[in-house]
PDB file of N, CA and C in Angstrom:
ATOM      1  N   UNK A   1     -46.578  20.203 -58.585  1.00  0.00           N
ATOM      2  CA  UNK A   1     -47.257  19.144 -59.290  1.00  0.00           C
ATOM      3  C   UNK A   1     -46.244  18.039 -59.593  1.00  0.00           C
ATOM      4  N   UNK A   2     -46.646  16.831 -59.322  1.00  0.00           N
ATOM      5  CA  UNK A   2     -45.833  15.664 -59.637  1.00  0.00           C
ATOM      6  C   UNK A   2     -46.303  15.116 -60.989  1.00  0.00           C
ATOM      7  N   UNK A   3     -45.357  14.882 -61.890  1.00  0.00           N
ATOM      8  CA  UNK A   3     -45.690  14.374 -63.219  1.00  0.00           C
ATOM      9  C   UNK A   3     -45.096  12.979 -63.378  1.00  0.00           C
ATOM     10  N   UNK A   4     -45.964  12.013 -63.668  1.00  0.00           N
ATOM     11  CA  UNK A   4     -45.534  10.648 -63.966  1.00  0.00           C
ATOM     12  C   UNK A   4     -45.790  10.420 -65.451  1.00  0.00           C
ATOM     13  N   UNK A   5     -44.728  10.337 -66.235  1.00  0.00           N
ATOM     14  CA  UNK A   5     -44.855  10.215 -67.685  1.00  0.00           C
ATOM     15  C   UNK A   5     -44.257   8.898 -68.156  1.00  0.00           C
ATOM     16  N   UNK A   6     -45.074   8.088 -68.801  1.00  0.00           N
ATOM     17  CA  UNK A   6     -44.620   6.828 -69.386  1.00  0.00           C
ATOM     18  C   UNK A   6     -44.685   6.956 -70.906  1.00  0.00           C
ATOM     19  N   UNK A   7     -43.578   6.636 -71.556  1.00  0.00           N
ATOM     20  CA  UNK A   7     -43.530   6.650 -73.016  1.00  0.00           C
ATOM     21  C   UNK A   7     -43.235   5.228 -73.470  1.00  0.00           C
ATOM     22  N   UNK A   8     -44.182   4.638 -74.160  1.00  0.00           N
ATOM     23  CA  UNK A   8     -44.048   3.243 -74.594  1.00  0.00           C
ATOM     24  C   UNK A   8     -43.834   3.191 -76.109  1.00  0.00           C
ATOM     25  N   UNK A   9     -42.752   2.574 -76.513  1.00  0.00           N
ATOM     26  CA  UNK A   9     -42.399   2.393 -77.925  1.00  0.00           C
ATOM     27  C   UNK A   9     -42.249   3.719 -78.662  1.00  0.00           C
ATOM     28  N   UNK A  10     -41.790   4.747 -77.954  1.00  0.00           N
ATOM     29  CA  UNK A  10     -41.559   6.057 -78.563  1.00  0.00           C
ATOM     30  C   UNK A  10     -40.105   6.452 -78.361  1.00  0.00           C
ATOM     31  N   UNK A  11     -39.600   7.261 -79.250  1.00  0.00           N
ATOM     32  CA  UNK A  11     -38.240   7.767 -79.149  1.00  0.00           C
ATOM     33  C   UNK A  11     -38.165   8.750 -77.987  1.00  0.00           C
ATOM     34  N   UNK A  12     -37.381   8.452 -77.001  1.00  0.00           N
ATOM     35  CA  UNK A  12     -37.268   9.297 -75.811  1.00  0.00           C
ATOM     36  C   UNK A  12     -36.581  10.626 -76.101  1.00  0.00           C
ATOM     37  N   UNK A  13     -35.876  10.732 -77.193  1.00  0.00           N
ATOM     38  CA  UNK A  13     -35.152  11.955 -77.516  1.00  0.00           C
ATOM     39  C   UNK A  13     -35.974  12.888 -78.412  1.00  0.00           C
ATOM     40  N   UNK A  14     -37.236  12.603 -78.617  1.00  0.00           N
ATOM     41  CA  UNK A  14     -38.055  13.366 -79.551  1.00  0.00           C
ATOM     42  C   UNK A  14     -38.455  14.744 -79.039  1.00  0.00           C
ATOM     43  N   UNK A  15     -38.190  15.061 -77.785  1.00  0.00           N
ATOM     44  CA  UNK A  15     -38.603  16.338 -77.224  1.00  0.00           C
ATOM     45  C   UNK A  15     -40.046  16.328 -76.741  1.00  0.00           C
ATOM     46  N   UNK A  16     -40.685  15.189 -76.845  1.00  0.00           N
ATOM     47  CA  UNK A  16     -42.085  15.062 -76.452  1.00  0.00           C
ATOM     48  C   UNK A  16     -42.274  15.234 -74.951  1.00  0.00           C
ATOM     49  N   UNK A  17     -41.315  14.752 -74.172  1.00  0.00           N
ATOM     50  CA  UNK A  17     -41.413  14.862 -72.711  1.00  0.00           C
ATOM     51  C   UNK A  17     -41.497  16.330 -72.276  1.00  0.00           C
ATOM     52  N   UNK A  18     -40.612  17.161 -72.787  1.00  0.00           N
ATOM     53  CA  UNK A  18     -40.626  18.583 -72.442  1.00  0.00           C
ATOM     54  C   UNK A  18     -41.900  19.278 -72.895  1.00  0.00           C
ATOM     55  N   UNK A  19     -42.378  18.906 -74.070  1.00  0.00           N
ATOM     56  CA  UNK A  19     -43.616  19.471 -74.607  1.00  0.00           C
ATOM     57  C   UNK A  19     -44.805  19.157 -73.696  1.00  0.00           C
ATOM     58  N   UNK A  20     -44.914  17.903 -73.279  1.00  0.00           N
ATOM     59  CA  UNK A  20     -46.017  17.479 -72.412  1.00  0.00           C
ATOM     60  C   UNK A  20     -45.924  18.181 -71.059  1.00  0.00           C
ATOM     61  N   UNK A  21     -44.733  18.254 -70.486  1.00  0.00           N
ATOM     62  CA  UNK A  21     -44.573  18.912 -69.185  1.00  0.00           C
ATOM     63  C   UNK A  21     -44.945  20.388 -69.267  1.00  0.00           C
ATOM     64  N   UNK A  22     -44.557  21.065 -70.346  1.00  0.00           N
ATOM     65  CA  UNK A  22     -44.903  22.482 -70.517  1.00  0.00           C
ATOM     66  C   UNK A  22     -46.414  22.672 -70.632  1.00  0.00           C
ATOM     67  N   UNK A  23     -47.067  21.817 -71.401  1.00  0.00           N
ATOM     68  CA  UNK A  23     -48.526  21.912 -71.562  1.00  0.00           C
ATOM     69  C   UNK A  23     -49.242  21.667 -70.234  1.00  0.00           C
ATOM     70  N   UNK A  24     -48.746  20.733 -69.429  1.00  0.00           N
ATOM     71  CA  UNK A  24     -49.360  20.474 -68.126  1.00  0.00           C
ATOM     72  C   UNK A  24     -49.184  21.669 -67.192  1.00  0.00           C
ATOM     73  N   UNK A  25     -48.030  22.316 -67.251  1.00  0.00           N
ATOM     74  CA  UNK A  25     -47.806  23.498 -66.417  1.00  0.00           C
ATOM     75  C   UNK A  25     -48.751  24.627 -66.806  1.00  0.00           C
ATOM     76  N   UNK A  26     -49.051  24.751 -68.102  1.00  0.00           N
ATOM     77  CA  UNK A  26     -50.015  25.756 -68.534  1.00  0.00           C
ATOM     78  C   UNK A  26     -51.415  25.439 -68.019  1.00  0.00           C
ATOM     79  N   UNK A  27     -51.776  24.152 -68.007  1.00  0.00           N
ATOM     80  CA  UNK A  27     -53.081  23.764 -67.456  1.00  0.00           C
ATOM     81  C   UNK A  27     -53.170  24.082 -65.975  1.00  0.00           C
ATOM     82  N   UNK A  28     -52.058  23.994 -65.271  1.00  0.00           N
ATOM     83  CA  UNK A  28     -52.046  24.202 -63.830  1.00  0.00           C
ATOM     84  C   UNK A  28     -52.380  25.650 -63.468  1.00  0.00           C
ATOM     85  N   UNK A  29     -52.236  26.577 -64.383  1.00  0.00           N
ATOM     86  CA  UNK A  29     -52.572  27.971 -64.101  1.00  0.00           C
ATOM     87  C   UNK A  29     -54.055  28.124 -63.778  1.00  0.00           C
ATOM     88  N   UNK A  30     -54.898  27.301 -64.387  1.00  0.00           N
ATOM     89  CA  UNK A  30     -56.328  27.402 -64.154  1.00  0.00           C
ATOM     90  C   UNK A  30     -56.871  26.366 -63.187  1.00  0.00           C
ATOM     91  N   UNK A  31     -56.010  25.484 -62.682  1.00  0.00           N
ATOM     92  CA  UNK A  31     -56.477  24.378 -61.866  1.00  0.00           C
ATOM     93  C   UNK A  31     -55.335  23.898 -60.974  1.00  0.00           C
ATOM     94  N   UNK A  32     -55.641  23.542 -59.752  1.00  0.00           N
ATOM     95  CA  UNK A  32     -54.639  23.033 -58.827  1.00  0.00           C
ATOM     96  C   UNK A  32     -54.454  21.534 -59.077  1.00  0.00           C
ATOM     97  N   UNK A  33     -53.362  21.175 -59.750  1.00  0.00           N
ATOM     98  CA  UNK A  33     -53.090  19.782 -60.085  1.00  0.00           C
ATOM     99  C   UNK A  33     -52.069  19.234 -59.095  1.00  0.00           C
ATOM    100  N   UNK A  34     -52.445  18.197 -58.364  1.00  0.00           N
ATOM    101  CA  UNK A  34     -51.537  17.561 -57.421  1.00  0.00           C
ATOM    102  C   UNK A  34     -50.596  16.594 -58.130  1.00  0.00           C
ATOM    103  N   UNK A  35     -51.150  15.807 -59.050  1.00  0.00           N
ATOM    104  CA  UNK A  35     -50.357  14.798 -59.747  1.00  0.00           C
ATOM    105  C   UNK A  35     -50.945  14.584 -61.140  1.00  0.00           C
ATOM    106  N   UNK A  36     -50.068  14.389 -62.112  1.00  0.00           N
ATOM    107  CA  UNK A  36     -50.497  14.090 -63.478  1.00  0.00           C
ATOM    108  C   UNK A  36     -49.857  12.776 -63.904  1.00  0.00           C
ATOM    109  N   UNK A  37     -50.685  11.824 -64.306  1.00  0.00           N
ATOM    110  CA  UNK A  37     -50.193  10.537 -64.804  1.00  0.00           C
ATOM    111  C   UNK A  37     -50.477  10.480 -66.298  1.00  0.00           C
ATOM    112  N   UNK A  38     -49.411  10.461 -67.080  1.00  0.00           N
ATOM    113  CA  UNK A  38     -49.532  10.526 -68.537  1.00  0.00           C
ATOM    114  C   UNK A  38     -48.915   9.282 -69.154  1.00  0.00           C
ATOM    115  N   UNK A  39     -49.621   8.702 -70.113  1.00  0.00           N
ATOM    116  CA  UNK A  39     -49.098   7.565 -70.871  1.00  0.00           C
ATOM    117  C   UNK A  39     -49.182   7.916 -72.351  1.00  0.00           C
ATOM    118  N   UNK A  40     -48.029   7.867 -73.025  1.00  0.00           N
ATOM    119  CA  UNK A  40     -47.956   8.054 -74.466  1.00  0.00           C
ATOM    120  C   UNK A  40     -47.412   6.757 -75.047  1.00  0.00           C
ATOM    121  N   UNK A  41     -48.141   6.188 -76.009  1.00  0.00           N
ATOM    122  CA  UNK A  41     -47.686   4.928 -76.568  1.00  0.00           C
ATOM    123  C   UNK A  41     -47.930   4.851 -78.061  1.00  0.00           C
ATOM    124  N   UNK A  42     -47.108   4.025 -78.690  1.00  0.00           N
ATOM    125  CA  UNK A  42     -47.232   3.817 -80.124  1.00  0.00           C
ATOM    126  C   UNK A  42     -47.277   2.315 -80.378  1.00  0.00           C
ATOM    127  N   UNK A  43     -48.305   1.887 -81.093  1.00  0.00           N
ATOM    128  CA  UNK A  43     -48.459   0.479 -81.453  1.00  0.00           C
ATOM    129  C   UNK A  43     -48.539   0.412 -82.977  1.00  0.00           C
ATOM    130  N   UNK A  44     -47.483   0.008 -83.586  1.00  0.00           N
ATOM    131  CA  UNK A  44     -47.389   0.044 -85.051  1.00  0.00           C
ATOM    132  C   UNK A  44     -48.410  -0.854 -85.743  1.00  0.00           C
ATOM    133  N   UNK A  45     -48.901  -1.857 -85.063  1.00  0.00           N
ATOM    134  CA  UNK A  45     -49.866  -2.763 -85.691  1.00  0.00           C
ATOM    135  C   UNK A  45     -51.293  -2.216 -85.681  1.00  0.00           C
ATOM    136  N   UNK A  46     -51.515  -1.102 -84.993  1.00  0.00           N
ATOM    137  CA  UNK A  46     -52.852  -0.503 -84.921  1.00  0.00           C
ATOM    138  C   UNK A  46     -52.910   0.747 -85.779  1.00  0.00           C
ATOM    139  N   UNK A  47     -54.139   1.148 -86.101  1.00  0.00           N
ATOM    140  CA  UNK A  47     -54.323   2.403 -86.812  1.00  0.00           C
ATOM    141  C   UNK A  47     -55.514   3.114 -86.190  1.00  0.00           C
ATOM    142  N   UNK A  48     -55.369   4.317 -85.722  1.00  0.00           N
ATOM    143  CA  UNK A  48     -54.154   5.114 -85.637  1.00  0.00           C
ATOM    144  C   UNK A  48     -53.189   4.535 -84.607  1.00  0.00           C
ATOM    145  N   UNK A  49     -51.922   4.746 -84.864  1.00  0.00           N
ATOM    146  CA  UNK A  49     -50.874   4.049 -84.113  1.00  0.00           C
ATOM    147  C   UNK A  49     -50.573   4.639 -82.743  1.00  0.00           C
ATOM    148  N   UNK A  50     -50.861   5.896 -82.520  1.00  0.00           N
ATOM    149  CA  UNK A  50     -50.460   6.557 -81.271  1.00  0.00           C
ATOM    150  C   UNK A  50     -51.659   6.804 -80.371  1.00  0.00           C
ATOM    151  N   UNK A  51     -51.413   6.633 -79.086  1.00  0.00           N
ATOM    152  CA  UNK A  51     -52.465   6.852 -78.093  1.00  0.00           C
ATOM    153  C   UNK A  51     -51.896   7.656 -76.938  1.00  0.00           C
ATOM    154  N   UNK A  52     -52.684   8.575 -76.430  1.00  0.00           N
ATOM    155  CA  UNK A  52     -52.306   9.380 -75.266  1.00  0.00           C
ATOM    156  C   UNK A  52     -53.429   9.295 -74.245  1.00  0.00           C
ATOM    157  N   UNK A  53     -53.040   9.160 -72.989  1.00  0.00           N
ATOM    158  CA  UNK A  53     -54.035   9.193 -71.920  1.00  0.00           C
ATOM    159  C   UNK A  53     -53.435   9.945 -70.741  1.00  0.00           C
ATOM    160  N   UNK A  54     -54.310  10.604 -69.998  1.00  0.00           N
ATOM    161  CA  UNK A  54     -53.855  11.378 -68.847  1.00  0.00           C
ATOM    162  C   UNK A  54     -54.885  11.274 -67.738  1.00  0.00           C
ATOM    163  N   UNK A  55     -54.386  11.252 -66.527  1.00  0.00           N
ATOM    164  CA  UNK A  55     -55.215  11.233 -65.318  1.00  0.00           C
ATOM    165  C   UNK A  55     -54.678  12.344 -64.436  1.00  0.00           C
ATOM    166  N   UNK A  56     -55.498  13.350 -64.159  1.00  0.00           N
ATOM    167  CA  UNK A  56     -55.091  14.472 -63.317  1.00  0.00           C
ATOM    168  C   UNK A  56     -55.728  14.339 -61.946  1.00  0.00           C
ATOM    169  N   UNK A  57     -54.906  14.309 -60.914  1.00  0.00           N
ATOM    170  CA  UNK A  57     -55.394  14.273 -59.539  1.00  0.00           C
ATOM    171  C   UNK A  57     -55.547  15.725 -59.100  1.00  0.00           C
ATOM    172  N   UNK A  58     -56.797  16.133 -58.892  1.00  0.00           N
ATOM    173  CA  UNK A  58     -57.127  17.513 -58.537  1.00  0.00           C
ATOM    174  C   UNK A  58     -58.102  17.496 -57.373  1.00  0.00           C
ATOM    175  N   UNK A  59     -58.276  18.632 -56.683  1.00  0.00           N
ATOM    176  CA  UNK A  59     -59.312  18.688 -55.650  1.00  0.00           C
ATOM    177  C   UNK A  59     -60.678  18.392 -56.279  1.00  0.00           C
ATOM    178  N   UNK A  60     -61.453  17.581 -55.633  1.00  0.00           N
ATOM    179  CA  UNK A  60     -62.734  17.170 -56.212  1.00  0.00           C
ATOM    180  C   UNK A  60     -62.517  15.952 -57.093  1.00  0.00           C
ATOM    181  N   UNK A  61     -63.465  15.679 -57.981  1.00  0.00           N
ATOM    182  CA  UNK A  61     -63.305  14.530 -58.875  1.00  0.00           C
ATOM    183  C   UNK A  61     -62.099  14.707 -59.802  1.00  0.00           C
ATOM    184  N   UNK A  62     -61.336  13.638 -59.994  1.00  0.00           N
ATOM    185  CA  UNK A  62     -60.174  13.694 -60.878  1.00  0.00           C
ATOM    186  C   UNK A  62     -60.625  13.856 -62.324  1.00  0.00           C
ATOM    187  N   UNK A  63     -59.723  14.369 -63.141  1.00  0.00           N
ATOM    188  CA  UNK A  63     -59.992  14.538 -64.567  1.00  0.00           C
ATOM    189  C   UNK A  63     -59.187  13.500 -65.338  1.00  0.00           C
ATOM    190  N   UNK A  64     -59.786  12.951 -66.383  1.00  0.00           N
ATOM    191  CA  UNK A  64     -59.046  12.013 -67.217  1.00  0.00           C
ATOM    192  C   UNK A  64     -59.536  12.107 -68.654  1.00  0.00           C
ATOM    193  N   UNK A  65     -58.614  11.822 -69.574  1.00  0.00           N
ATOM    194  CA  UNK A  65     -58.937  11.869 -70.993  1.00  0.00           C
ATOM    195  C   UNK A  65     -58.027  10.905 -71.738  1.00  0.00           C
ATOM    196  N   UNK A  66     -58.514  10.447 -72.901  1.00  0.00           N
ATOM    197  CA  UNK A  66     -57.753   9.527 -73.731  1.00  0.00           C
ATOM    198  C   UNK A  66     -58.068   9.847 -75.189  1.00  0.00           C
ATOM    199  N   UNK A  67     -57.049   9.735 -76.053  1.00  0.00           N
ATOM    200  CA  UNK A  67     -57.255   9.992 -77.473  1.00  0.00           C
ATOM    201  C   UNK A  67     -56.248   9.205 -78.292  1.00  0.00           C
ATOM    202  N   UNK A  68     -56.599   8.971 -79.554  1.00  0.00           N
ATOM    203  CA  UNK A  68     -55.716   8.287 -80.495  1.00  0.00           C
ATOM    204  C   UNK A  68     -55.569   9.130 -81.753  1.00  0.00           C
ATOM    205  N   UNK A  69     -54.403   9.034 -82.379  1.00  0.00           N
ATOM    206  CA  UNK A  69     -54.166   9.721 -83.645  1.00  0.00           C
ATOM    207  C   UNK A  69     -52.944   9.087 -84.302  1.00  0.00           C
ATOM    208  N   UNK A  70     -52.535   9.639 -85.426  1.00  0.00           N
ATOM    209  CA  UNK A  70     -51.431   9.055 -86.177  1.00  0.00           C
ATOM    210  C   UNK A  70     -50.060   9.493 -85.682  1.00  0.00           C
ATOM    211  N   UNK A  71     -49.980  10.567 -84.903  1.00  0.00           N
ATOM    212  CA  UNK A  71     -48.715  10.993 -84.308  1.00  0.00           C
ATOM    213  C   UNK A  71     -48.919  11.219 -82.808  1.00  0.00           C
ATOM    214  N   UNK A  72     -47.865  11.090 -82.008  1.00  0.00           N
ATOM    215  CA  UNK A  72     -48.011  11.297 -80.560  1.00  0.00           C
ATOM    216  C   UNK A  72     -48.458  12.725 -80.223  1.00  0.00           C
ATOM    217  N   UNK A  73     -47.918  13.716 -80.921  1.00  0.00           N
ATOM    218  CA  UNK A  73     -48.310  15.104 -80.629  1.00  0.00           C
ATOM    219  C   UNK A  73     -49.780  15.354 -80.952  1.00  0.00           C
ATOM    220  N   UNK A  74     -50.273  14.781 -82.033  1.00  0.00           N
ATOM    221  CA  UNK A  74     -51.682  14.957 -82.395  1.00  0.00           C
ATOM    222  C   UNK A  74     -52.587  14.285 -81.362  1.00  0.00           C
ATOM    223  N   UNK A  75     -52.200  13.109 -80.897  1.00  0.00           N
ATOM    224  CA  UNK A  75     -52.984  12.435 -79.854  1.00  0.00           C
ATOM    225  C   UNK A  75     -52.972  13.262 -78.574  1.00  0.00           C
ATOM    226  N   UNK A  76     -51.799  13.803 -78.222  1.00  0.00           N
ATOM    227  CA  UNK A  76     -51.706  14.638 -77.020  1.00  0.00           C
ATOM    228  C   UNK A  76     -52.548  15.900 -77.162  1.00  0.00           C
ATOM    229  N   UNK A  77     -52.553  16.489 -78.355  1.00  0.00           N
ATOM    230  CA  UNK A  77     -53.355  17.696 -78.594  1.00  0.00           C
ATOM    231  C   UNK A  77     -54.837  17.412 -78.352  1.00  0.00           C
ATOM    232  N   UNK A  78     -55.313  16.261 -78.807  1.00  0.00           N
ATOM    233  CA  UNK A  78     -56.717  15.884 -78.578  1.00  0.00           C
ATOM    234  C   UNK A  78     -57.008  15.724 -77.087  1.00  0.00           C
ATOM    235  N   UNK A  79     -56.058  15.145 -76.355  1.00  0.00           N
ATOM    236  CA  UNK A  79     -56.223  14.993 -74.906  1.00  0.00           C
ATOM    237  C   UNK A  79     -56.298  16.368 -74.249  1.00  0.00           C
ATOM    238  N   UNK A  80     -55.433  17.290 -74.667  1.00  0.00           N
ATOM    239  CA  UNK A  80     -55.438  18.651 -74.112  1.00  0.00           C
ATOM    240  C   UNK A  80     -56.780  19.339 -74.351  1.00  0.00           C
ATOM    241  N   UNK A  81     -57.312  19.194 -75.539  1.00  0.00           N
ATOM    242  CA  UNK A  81     -58.610  19.808 -75.868  1.00  0.00           C
ATOM    243  C   UNK A  81     -59.690  19.258 -74.948  1.00  0.00           C
ATOM    244  N   UNK A  82     -59.689  17.952 -74.737  1.00  0.00           N
ATOM    245  CA  UNK A  82     -60.690  17.334 -73.855  1.00  0.00           C
ATOM    246  C   UNK A  82     -60.524  17.792 -72.402  1.00  0.00           C
ATOM    247  N   UNK A  83     -59.292  17.884 -71.923  1.00  0.00           N
ATOM    248  CA  UNK A  83     -59.063  18.356 -70.556  1.00  0.00           C
ATOM    249  C   UNK A  83     -59.527  19.798 -70.387  1.00  0.00           C
ATOM    250  N   UNK A  84     -59.227  20.645 -71.354  1.00  0.00           N
ATOM    251  CA  UNK A  84     -59.656  22.042 -71.276  1.00  0.00           C
ATOM    252  C   UNK A  84     -61.175  22.148 -71.267  1.00  0.00           C
ATOM    253  N   UNK A  85     -61.851  21.280 -72.045  1.00  0.00           N
ATOM    254  CA  UNK A  85     -63.317  21.262 -72.044  1.00  0.00           C
ATOM    255  C   UNK A  85     -63.835  20.870 -70.665  1.00  0.00           C
ATOM    256  N   UNK A  86     -63.239  19.849 -70.058  1.00  0.00           N
ATOM    257  CA  UNK A  86     -63.667  19.411 -68.729  1.00  0.00           C
ATOM    258  C   UNK A  86     -63.437  20.504 -67.681  1.00  0.00           C
ATOM    259  N   UNK A  87     -62.325  21.197 -67.772  1.00  0.00           N
ATOM    260  CA  UNK A  87     -62.028  22.280 -66.827  1.00  0.00           C
ATOM    261  C   UNK A  87     -63.035  23.413 -66.992  1.00  0.00           C
ATOM    262  N   UNK A  88     -63.345  23.766 -68.245  1.00  0.00           N
ATOM    263  CA  UNK A  88     -64.351  24.817 -68.502  1.00  0.00           C
ATOM    264  C   UNK A  88     -65.706  24.433 -67.915  1.00  0.00           C
ATOM    265  N   UNK A  89     -66.117  23.191 -68.143  1.00  0.00           N
ATOM    266  CA  UNK A  89     -67.406  22.733 -67.610  1.00  0.00           C
ATOM    267  C   UNK A  89     -67.423  22.758 -66.090  1.00  0.00           C
ATOM    268  N   UNK A  90     -66.323  22.359 -65.473  1.00  0.00           N
ATOM    269  CA  UNK A  90     -66.241  22.360 -64.013  1.00  0.00           C
ATOM    270  C   UNK A  90     -66.362  23.780 -63.471  1.00  0.00           C
ATOM    271  N   UNK A  91     -65.673  24.734 -64.104  1.00  0.00           N
ATOM    272  CA  UNK A  91     -65.747  26.128 -63.659  1.00  0.00           C
ATOM    273  C   UNK A  91     -67.144  26.692 -63.851  1.00  0.00           C
ATOM    274  N   UNK A  92     -67.771  26.388 -64.987  1.00  0.00           N
ATOM    275  CA  UNK A  92     -69.121  26.874 -65.250  1.00  0.00           C
ATOM    276  C   UNK A  92     -70.098  26.299 -64.224  1.00  0.00           C
ATOM    277  N   UNK A  93     -69.959  25.020 -63.919  1.00  0.00           N
ATOM    278  CA  UNK A  93     -70.832  24.390 -62.924  1.00  0.00           C
ATOM    279  C   UNK A  93     -70.636  25.039 -61.554  1.00  0.00           C
ATOM    280  N   UNK A  94     -69.392  25.311 -61.202  1.00  0.00           N
ATOM    281  CA  UNK A  94     -69.089  25.950 -59.923  1.00  0.00           C
ATOM    282  C   UNK A  94     -69.701  27.351 -59.859  1.00  0.00           C
ATOM    283  N   UNK A  95     -69.604  28.098 -60.969  1.00  0.00           N
ATOM    284  CA  UNK A  95     -70.159  29.449 -60.993  1.00  0.00           C
ATOM    285  C   UNK A  95     -71.680  29.414 -60.860  1.00  0.00           C
ATOM    286  N   UNK A  96     -72.339  28.481 -61.528  1.00  0.00           N
ATOM    287  CA  UNK A  96     -73.797  28.365 -61.405  1.00  0.00           C
ATOM    288  C   UNK A  96     -74.197  28.021 -59.978  1.00  0.00           C
ATOM    289  N   UNK A  97     -73.436  27.140 -59.346  1.00  0.00           N
ATOM    290  CA  UNK A  97     -73.737  26.761 -57.968  1.00  0.00           C
ATOM    291  C   UNK A  97     -73.554  27.958 -57.035  1.00  0.00           C
ATOM    292  N   UNK A  98     -72.473  28.708 -57.229  1.00  0.00           N
ATOM    293  CA  UNK A  98     -72.242  29.891 -56.398  1.00  0.00           C
ATOM    294  C   UNK A  98     -73.312  30.949 -56.631  1.00  0.00           C
ATOM    295  N   UNK A  99     -73.693  31.133 -57.882  1.00  0.00           N
ATOM    296  CA  UNK A  99     -74.732  32.113 -58.206  1.00  0.00           C
ATOM    297  C   UNK A  99     -76.049  31.724 -57.538  1.00  0.00           C
ATOM    298  N   UNK A 100     -76.383  30.434 -57.571  1.00  0.00           N
ATOM    299  CA  UNK A 100     -77.603  29.966 -56.916  1.00  0.00           C
ATOM    300  C   UNK A 100     -77.550  30.158 -55.416  1.00  0.00           C
ATOM    301  N   UNK A 101     -76.393  29.920 -54.815  1.00  0.00           N
ATOM    302  CA  UNK A 101     -76.239  30.112 -53.367  1.00  0.00           C
ATOM    303  C   UNK A 101     -76.378  31.575 -52.993  1.00  0.00           C
ATOM    304  N   UNK A 102     -75.843  32.470 -53.802  1.00  0.00           N
ATOM    305  CA  UNK A 102     -75.955  33.896 -53.507  1.00  0.00           C
ATOM    306  C   UNK A 102     -77.398  34.359 -53.579  1.00  0.00           C
ATOM    307  N   UNK A 103     -78.139  33.854 -54.545  1.00  0.00           N
ATOM    308  CA  UNK A 103     -79.546  34.245 -54.660  1.00  0.00           C
ATOM    309  C   UNK A 103     -80.342  33.741 -53.467  1.00  0.00           C
ATOM    310  N   UNK A 104     -80.062  32.548 -53.006  1.00  0.00           N
ATOM    311  CA  UNK A 104     -80.769  32.005 -51.852  1.00  0.00           C
ATOM    312  C   UNK A 104     -80.430  32.774 -50.575  1.00  0.00           C
ATOM    313  N   UNK A 105     -79.204  33.178 -50.415  1.00  0.00           N
ATOM    314  CA  UNK A 105     -78.800  33.905 -49.217  1.00  0.00           C
ATOM    315  C   UNK A 105     -79.420  35.302 -49.170  1.00  0.00           C
ATOM    316  N   UNK A 106     -79.555  35.930 -50.320  1.00  0.00           N
ATOM    317  CA  UNK A 106     -80.102  37.283 -50.366  1.00  0.00           C
ATOM    318  C   UNK A 106     -81.551  37.332 -49.939  1.00  0.00           C
ATOM    319  N   UNK A 107     -82.353  36.370 -50.307  1.00  0.00           N
ATOM    320  CA  UNK A 107     -83.769  36.358 -50.004  1.00  0.00           C
ATOM    321  C   UNK A 107     -84.263  34.914 -49.979  1.00  0.00           C
ATOM    322  N   UNK A 108     -84.081  34.215 -48.870  1.00  0.00           N
ATOM    323  CA  UNK A 108     -84.349  32.788 -48.840  1.00  0.00           C
ATOM    324  C   UNK A 108     -85.782  32.387 -49.090  1.00  0.00           C
ATOM    325  N   UNK A 109     -86.752  33.200 -48.713  1.00  0.00           N
ATOM    326  CA  UNK A 109     -88.161  32.811 -48.868  1.00  0.00           C
ATOM    327  C   UNK A 109     -88.894  33.638 -49.902  1.00  0.00           C
ATOM    328  N   UNK A 110     -88.179  34.485 -50.565  1.00  0.00           N
ATOM    329  CA  UNK A 110     -88.848  35.327 -51.564  1.00  0.00           C
ATOM    330  C   UNK A 110     -89.622  36.473 -50.940  1.00  0.00           C
ATOM    331  N   UNK A 111     -89.351  36.798 -49.671  1.00  0.00           N
ATOM    332  CA  UNK A 111     -90.060  37.892 -49.000  1.00  0.00           C
ATOM    333  C   UNK A 111     -89.441  39.220 -49.375  1.00  0.00           C
ATOM    334  N   UNK A 112     -90.255  40.269 -49.371  1.00  0.00           N
ATOM    335  CA  UNK A 112     -89.747  41.583 -49.749  1.00  0.00           C
ATOM    336  C   UNK A 112     -89.174  42.341 -48.573  1.00  0.00           C
ATOM    337  N   UNK A 113     -89.457  41.969 -47.380  1.00  0.00           N
ATOM    338  CA  UNK A 113     -88.909  42.629 -46.199  1.00  0.00           C
ATOM    339  C   UNK A 113     -89.620  43.902 -45.825  1.00  0.00           C
ATOM    340  N   UNK A 114     -90.781  44.160 -46.377  1.00  0.00           N
ATOM    341  CA  UNK A 114     -91.515  45.401 -46.079  1.00  0.00           C
ATOM    342  C   UNK A 114     -92.418  45.258 -44.892  1.00  0.00           C
TER     343      UNK A 114
END
């Protein structure tokens, strides 16, 4: 997985980069991520001041999420929650589609075969 991380107006020594990379690697266990584009920014004139956004390039439609909060870690946590929700929904949709395909293959016309 290729990770593109932009930190705008944030302290680069805060350990946030390692935290974000570790969280993305954990997400990759359940999903094949080709590339992750992450932007973490702080705008002191806004409230809440911190914003996190991520775009995951994955097979099928890409996943993306954005959140704001008062700290960068809290904003990132909200983004993680949203990504996990999207991944769960995608898996559930895939399982329903597979289940429907299996039922159709077993008995396409509803005949009993007698």
